[in-house]
Amino acid sequence: MQAYRQFAAVYDRLMEDMPYPDWLRFARQCWEKYGIPATVADLGCGTGSLSIPLARSGFQVYAIDISADMLTVGRSKWDEPPARAINPDSGSIRWLQQDMRDWELPEPVDAAISFCDCLNYLLEEEDVESAFRATYKGLKPGGLLIFDVHAPRQLEQYAEQQPFTLDERDVAYIWTSDYDEARREIEHHLTIFAREGNERGARFIRFEETHVQRAYEPSWIAGALRRAGFTSVEQYADFTFAAPDSEAERLFFVAVKPS
């Protein structure tokens, strides 16, 4: 597993176009079908871009991430108004530095989510299986796990379309990728230039990041969920409740722990 280190400082700037509202909508639609939770574990929460709106809307959220730096940014966002504005219906967040392969809470929760392809950062099958077992243990009977992963073809497309570049006033990057077809594993190399300071004393700092993701066959993921004990395992595609086809880019899984 990789910690995000310096990347945490510019993560929200680079991820501002990510479909966070779509992830929240998809989770709520699932909960409307299976039961509205009171407590939610957000596995691989990053800087809290999903944890914070969930807490603001009344959920008790456990924001779990392996990166202390990402959690620090998330806490600072939560502590700033209007994130923690006084609201009688507001929930709470508990920020926890834990590995999703063996996360643990004092009491089980009603639901767990893991979005933004966090599971793709688990590079061995046994890592994925460990995460599913830990989540099964961490859910109440009847609890729901919802997560998404990149489809194998999506990683292939990254390799085919790279390099990627960004050149804006406050941040720039060069992003290249190396793809291992046999393992369906991609290694992303990012050289990032981030602006620091005010207009008069601004400067750019440069740092390097490497992130590795691996894609798994959807049928294998479904089998791993069932081996962990989950039932009613459903697969969907690209923020819809349509079954995945060969064109799907982002796969969604919804799994229930038996009551």
Protein backbone atom coordinates (compact mmCIF):
# COMPACT_ATOMS: atom_id res chain seq x y z
CA MET A 1 0.00 0.00 0.00
CA GLN A 2 1.18 3.50 -0.81
CA ALA A 3 0.93 6.58 1.39
CA TYR A 4 0.33 9.80 -0.50
CA ARG A 5 3.06 11.88 1.24
CA GLN A 6 3.44 15.30 -0.44
CA PHE A 7 0.62 14.45 -2.83
CA ALA A 8 -1.85 15.10 0.00
CA ALA A 9 -1.14 18.83 -0.15
CA VAL A 10 -2.32 19.12 -3.78
CA TYR A 11 -4.69 16.15 -3.89
CA ASP A 12 -7.92 18.14 -3.71
CA ARG A 13 -6.73 20.58 -6.35
CA LEU A 14 -5.95 17.75 -8.78
CA MET A 15 -9.10 15.79 -7.94
CA GLU A 16 -11.60 18.65 -8.01
CA ASP A 17 -13.23 17.34 -11.19
CA MET A 18 -13.80 13.85 -9.81
CA PRO A 19 -17.47 12.76 -9.70
CA TYR A 20 -17.97 12.93 -5.92
CA PRO A 21 -21.69 13.81 -6.24
CA ASP A 22 -22.19 10.71 -8.37
CA TRP A 23 -20.56 8.47 -5.74
CA LEU A 24 -22.77 9.99 -3.04
CA ARG A 25 -25.87 9.58 -5.19
CA PHE A 26 -25.05 5.95 -5.96
CA ALA A 27 -24.49 5.15 -2.27
CA ARG A 28 -27.77 6.79 -1.26
CA GLN A 29 -29.67 4.90 -3.93
CA CYS A 30 -28.23 1.64 -2.63
CA TRP A 31 -29.11 2.55 0.94
CA GLU A 32 -32.66 3.41 -0.08
CA LYS A 33 -32.93 -0.12 -1.44
CA TYR A 34 -31.23 -2.00 1.40
CA GLY A 35 -31.81 0.28 4.40
CA ILE A 36 -30.54 3.71 5.46
CA PRO A 37 -27.50 3.32 7.75
CA ALA A 38 -26.67 5.37 10.82
CA THR A 39 -22.97 4.50 10.88
CA VAL A 40 -20.71 4.36 7.81
CA ALA A 41 -17.06 3.37 7.38
CA ASP A 42 -15.40 5.23 4.50
CA LEU A 43 -12.46 3.01 3.55
CA GLY A 44 -9.67 4.87 1.76
CA CYS A 45 -11.33 8.17 2.66
CA GLY A 46 -8.44 10.32 1.41
CA THR A 47 -9.04 13.95 2.36
CA GLY A 48 -12.67 13.33 3.31
CA SER A 49 -14.37 14.52 0.14
CA LEU A 50 -17.10 11.92 0.71
CA SER A 51 -16.84 11.56 4.50
CA ILE A 52 -17.51 15.26 5.11
CA PRO A 53 -20.75 15.59 3.10
CA LEU A 54 -21.99 12.33 4.59
CA ALA A 55 -21.36 13.62 8.11
CA ARG A 56 -22.94 16.97 7.31
CA SER A 57 -26.10 15.15 6.21
CA GLY A 58 -26.40 13.26 9.48
CA PHE A 59 -24.33 10.07 9.27
CA GLN A 60 -21.82 8.96 11.89
CA VAL A 61 -18.74 8.42 9.74
CA TYR A 62 -15.51 6.57 10.41
CA ALA A 63 -13.03 8.05 7.93
CA ILE A 64 -10.29 5.45 7.45
CA ASP A 65 -7.12 5.88 5.42
CA ILE A 66 -3.58 4.53 5.50
CA SER A 67 -2.07 7.99 4.90
CA ALA A 68 -1.61 10.26 7.93
CA ASP A 69 -1.05 13.20 5.56
CA MET A 70 -4.37 12.68 3.80
CA LEU A 71 -6.16 12.44 7.14
CA THR A 72 -4.51 15.66 8.31
CA VAL A 73 -5.87 17.50 5.28
CA GLY A 74 -9.30 15.94 5.87
CA ARG A 75 -9.38 17.03 9.51
CA SER A 76 -8.47 20.59 8.55
CA LYS A 77 -11.31 20.66 6.00
CA TRP A 78 -13.78 19.32 8.56
CA ASP A 79 -12.69 21.88 11.17
CA GLU A 80 -13.18 24.83 8.83
CA PRO A 81 -16.59 26.45 8.39
CA PRO A 82 -18.99 25.64 6.86
CA ALA A 83 -18.07 21.95 7.13
CA ARG A 84 -18.77 21.88 10.86
CA ALA A 85 -21.41 24.55 10.92
CA ILE A 86 -23.81 24.11 13.81
CA ASN A 87 -26.63 21.92 12.58
CA PRO A 88 -28.92 19.85 14.81
CA ASP A 89 -29.04 17.17 12.12
CA SER A 90 -25.29 16.99 11.57
CA GLY A 91 -23.44 13.76 12.20
CA SER A 92 -19.81 13.26 13.15
CA ILE A 93 -16.50 12.02 11.80
CA ARG A 94 -13.85 9.98 13.52
CA TRP A 95 -10.58 10.06 11.57
CA LEU A 96 -8.58 6.83 11.79
CA GLN A 97 -5.24 5.87 10.28
CA GLN A 98 -5.72 2.21 9.43
CA ASP A 99 -5.06 -0.19 6.57
CA MET A 100 -8.21 -1.36 4.80
CA ARG A 101 -6.79 -4.90 4.82
CA ASP A 102 -7.19 -5.14 8.60
CA TRP A 103 -9.30 -2.19 9.71
CA GLU A 104 -11.14 -2.54 12.98
CA LEU A 105 -13.58 -0.45 15.03
CA PRO A 106 -14.82 -0.78 18.61
CA GLU A 107 -18.28 -1.68 17.29
CA PRO A 108 -19.51 -2.85 13.88
CA VAL A 109 -21.08 -0.34 11.49
CA ASP A 110 -24.20 -0.43 9.34
CA ALA A 111 -22.44 0.21 6.03
CA ALA A 112 -19.03 0.52 4.43
CA ILE A 113 -18.05 2.33 1.25
CA SER A 114 -14.79 2.43 -0.70
CA PHE A 115 -14.90 4.64 -3.76
CA CYS A 116 -12.45 6.25 -6.17
CA ASP A 117 -10.94 2.83 -7.07
CA CYS A 118 -9.23 2.38 -3.70
CA LEU A 119 -9.38 -1.42 -4.02
CA ASN A 120 -7.21 -1.22 -7.16
CA TYR A 121 -4.32 -0.17 -4.91
CA LEU A 122 -4.34 -3.64 -3.35
CA LEU A 123 -1.78 -5.39 -5.52
CA GLU A 124 -2.19 -9.04 -4.54
CA GLU A 125 -5.27 -11.24 -4.46
CA GLU A 126 -4.68 -12.05 -0.80
CA ASP A 127 -4.72 -8.31 -0.02
CA VAL A 128 -8.16 -7.95 -1.58
CA GLU A 129 -9.40 -11.04 0.24
CA SER A 130 -8.06 -9.64 3.54
CA ALA A 131 -9.89 -6.36 2.95
CA PHE A 132 -13.15 -8.20 2.29
CA ARG A 133 -12.75 -10.33 5.42
CA ALA A 134 -11.98 -7.27 7.56
CA THR A 135 -15.02 -5.48 6.13
CA TYR A 136 -17.28 -8.46 6.69
CA LYS A 137 -16.13 -8.54 10.31
CA GLY A 138 -16.59 -4.78 10.66
CA LEU A 139 -20.21 -4.76 9.48
CA LYS A 140 -23.32 -5.47 11.50
CA PRO A 141 -25.52 -8.37 10.36
CA GLY A 142 -27.41 -7.12 7.32
CA GLY A 143 -24.70 -4.51 6.69
CA LEU A 144 -23.89 -3.31 3.19
CA LEU A 145 -20.57 -2.92 1.40
CA ILE A 146 -20.44 -0.68 -1.68
CA PHE A 147 -17.26 -0.06 -3.67
CA ASP A 148 -15.96 0.60 -7.14
CA VAL A 149 -12.88 -0.49 -9.07
CA HIS A 150 -11.37 0.24 -12.46
CA ALA A 151 -12.29 -2.34 -15.05
CA PRO A 152 -9.24 -4.06 -16.58
CA ARG A 153 -9.79 -2.23 -19.88
CA GLN A 154 -9.56 1.13 -18.11
CA LEU A 155 -5.97 0.49 -17.03
CA GLU A 156 -5.16 -0.59 -20.57
CA GLN A 157 -6.56 2.70 -21.84
CA TYR A 158 -4.41 4.68 -19.41
CA ALA A 159 -1.35 2.91 -20.82
CA GLU A 160 -2.43 3.52 -24.40
CA GLN A 161 -3.31 7.19 -23.92
CA GLN A 162 -0.39 8.31 -21.74
CA PRO A 163 1.46 10.57 -21.24
CA PHE A 164 -0.90 13.04 -19.57
CA THR A 165 -0.02 16.62 -18.73
CA LEU A 166 -1.52 19.53 -16.81
CA ASP A 167 -0.25 23.10 -16.95
CA GLU A 168 -2.17 25.60 -14.84
CA ARG A 169 -1.29 28.70 -12.85
CA ASP A 170 -0.92 26.99 -9.49
CA VAL A 171 -0.09 23.39 -10.37
CA ALA A 172 1.34 21.34 -13.22
CA TYR A 173 2.24 17.71 -13.76
CA ILE A 174 3.69 15.21 -16.19
CA TRP A 175 2.11 11.76 -15.81
CA THR A 176 3.48 8.65 -17.52
CA SER A 177 2.53 5.01 -17.03
CA ASP A 178 4.05 1.55 -17.42
CA TYR A 179 1.63 -1.34 -17.88
CA ASP A 180 2.26 -5.00 -17.00
CA GLU A 181 -0.22 -6.88 -19.17
CA ALA A 182 0.33 -10.24 -17.46
CA ARG A 183 -0.59 -8.86 -14.03
CA ARG A 184 -2.97 -6.18 -15.33
CA GLU A 185 -0.97 -3.81 -13.21
CA ILE A 186 -0.12 -0.19 -14.02
CA GLU A 187 2.56 1.99 -12.46
CA HIS A 188 1.86 5.71 -12.62
CA HIS A 189 4.81 8.12 -12.44
CA LEU A 190 3.94 11.71 -11.65
CA THR A 191 6.25 14.70 -11.61
CA ILE A 192 4.28 17.48 -9.92
CA PHE A 193 5.03 21.19 -9.72
CA ALA A 194 2.98 22.95 -7.04
CA ARG A 195 2.91 26.65 -6.30
CA GLU A 196 3.73 27.84 -2.78
CA GLY A 197 3.48 31.29 -1.20
CA ASN A 198 1.72 34.53 -2.15
CA GLU A 199 1.91 36.51 -5.36
CA ARG A 200 5.04 38.39 -4.31
CA GLY A 201 6.95 35.45 -2.88
CA ALA A 202 5.51 32.54 -4.86
CA ARG A 203 7.67 29.66 -5.95
CA PHE A 204 7.09 26.22 -7.40
CA ILE A 205 8.20 23.06 -5.62
CA ARG A 206 8.79 19.85 -7.54
CA PHE A 207 8.18 16.36 -6.21
CA GLU A 208 7.79 12.85 -7.58
CA GLU A 209 5.01 10.36 -6.88
CA THR A 210 4.61 6.74 -7.96
CA HIS A 211 1.27 4.98 -7.64
CA VAL A 212 0.55 1.39 -8.61
CA GLN A 213 -2.86 -0.13 -9.32
CA ARG A 214 -3.97 -3.58 -10.36
CA ALA A 215 -7.20 -4.65 -12.04
CA TYR A 216 -9.00 -7.90 -11.23
CA GLU A 217 -11.55 -9.90 -13.16
CA PRO A 218 -15.06 -8.98 -11.98
CA SER A 219 -15.96 -12.65 -11.57
CA TRP A 220 -12.96 -13.14 -9.28
CA ILE A 221 -13.97 -10.13 -7.16
CA ALA A 222 -17.51 -11.47 -6.81
CA GLY A 223 -16.14 -14.86 -5.79
CA ALA A 224 -13.82 -13.28 -3.22
CA LEU A 225 -16.75 -11.41 -1.70
CA ARG A 226 -18.73 -14.64 -1.37
CA ARG A 227 -15.73 -16.44 0.13
CA ALA A 228 -15.57 -13.70 2.76
CA GLY A 229 -19.20 -14.44 3.64
CA PHE A 230 -21.14 -11.81 1.71
CA THR A 231 -24.36 -12.71 -0.06
CA SER A 232 -26.50 -10.97 -2.68
CA VAL A 233 -23.41 -9.76 -4.52
CA GLU A 234 -24.44 -7.40 -7.32
CA GLN A 235 -22.36 -5.81 -10.09
CA TYR A 236 -23.12 -2.53 -11.84
CA ALA A 237 -21.40 -0.20 -14.30
CA ASP A 238 -20.40 3.45 -14.36
CA PHE A 239 -22.64 4.93 -11.63
CA THR A 240 -25.75 3.19 -12.99
CA PHE A 241 -27.66 0.08 -12.03
CA ALA A 242 -27.02 -1.46 -15.43
CA ALA A 243 -25.04 -4.67 -15.67
CA PRO A 244 -21.42 -4.21 -16.80
CA ASP A 245 -20.52 -4.88 -20.40
CA SER A 246 -17.25 -4.79 -22.33
CA GLU A 247 -17.39 -0.98 -22.50
CA ALA A 248 -17.72 -0.42 -18.75
CA GLU A 249 -14.91 1.68 -17.28
CA ARG A 250 -15.77 1.71 -13.58
CA LEU A 251 -17.32 -1.36 -11.94
CA PHE A 252 -19.51 -1.10 -8.85
CA PHE A 253 -20.11 -3.92 -6.37
CA VAL A 254 -22.85 -4.09 -3.75
CA ALA A 255 -22.60 -6.91 -1.22
CA VAL A 256 -24.72 -7.77 1.81
CA LYS A 257 -23.63 -9.43 5.05
CA PRO A 258 -26.32 -11.96 6.02
CA SER A 259 -28.65 -10.94 8.84
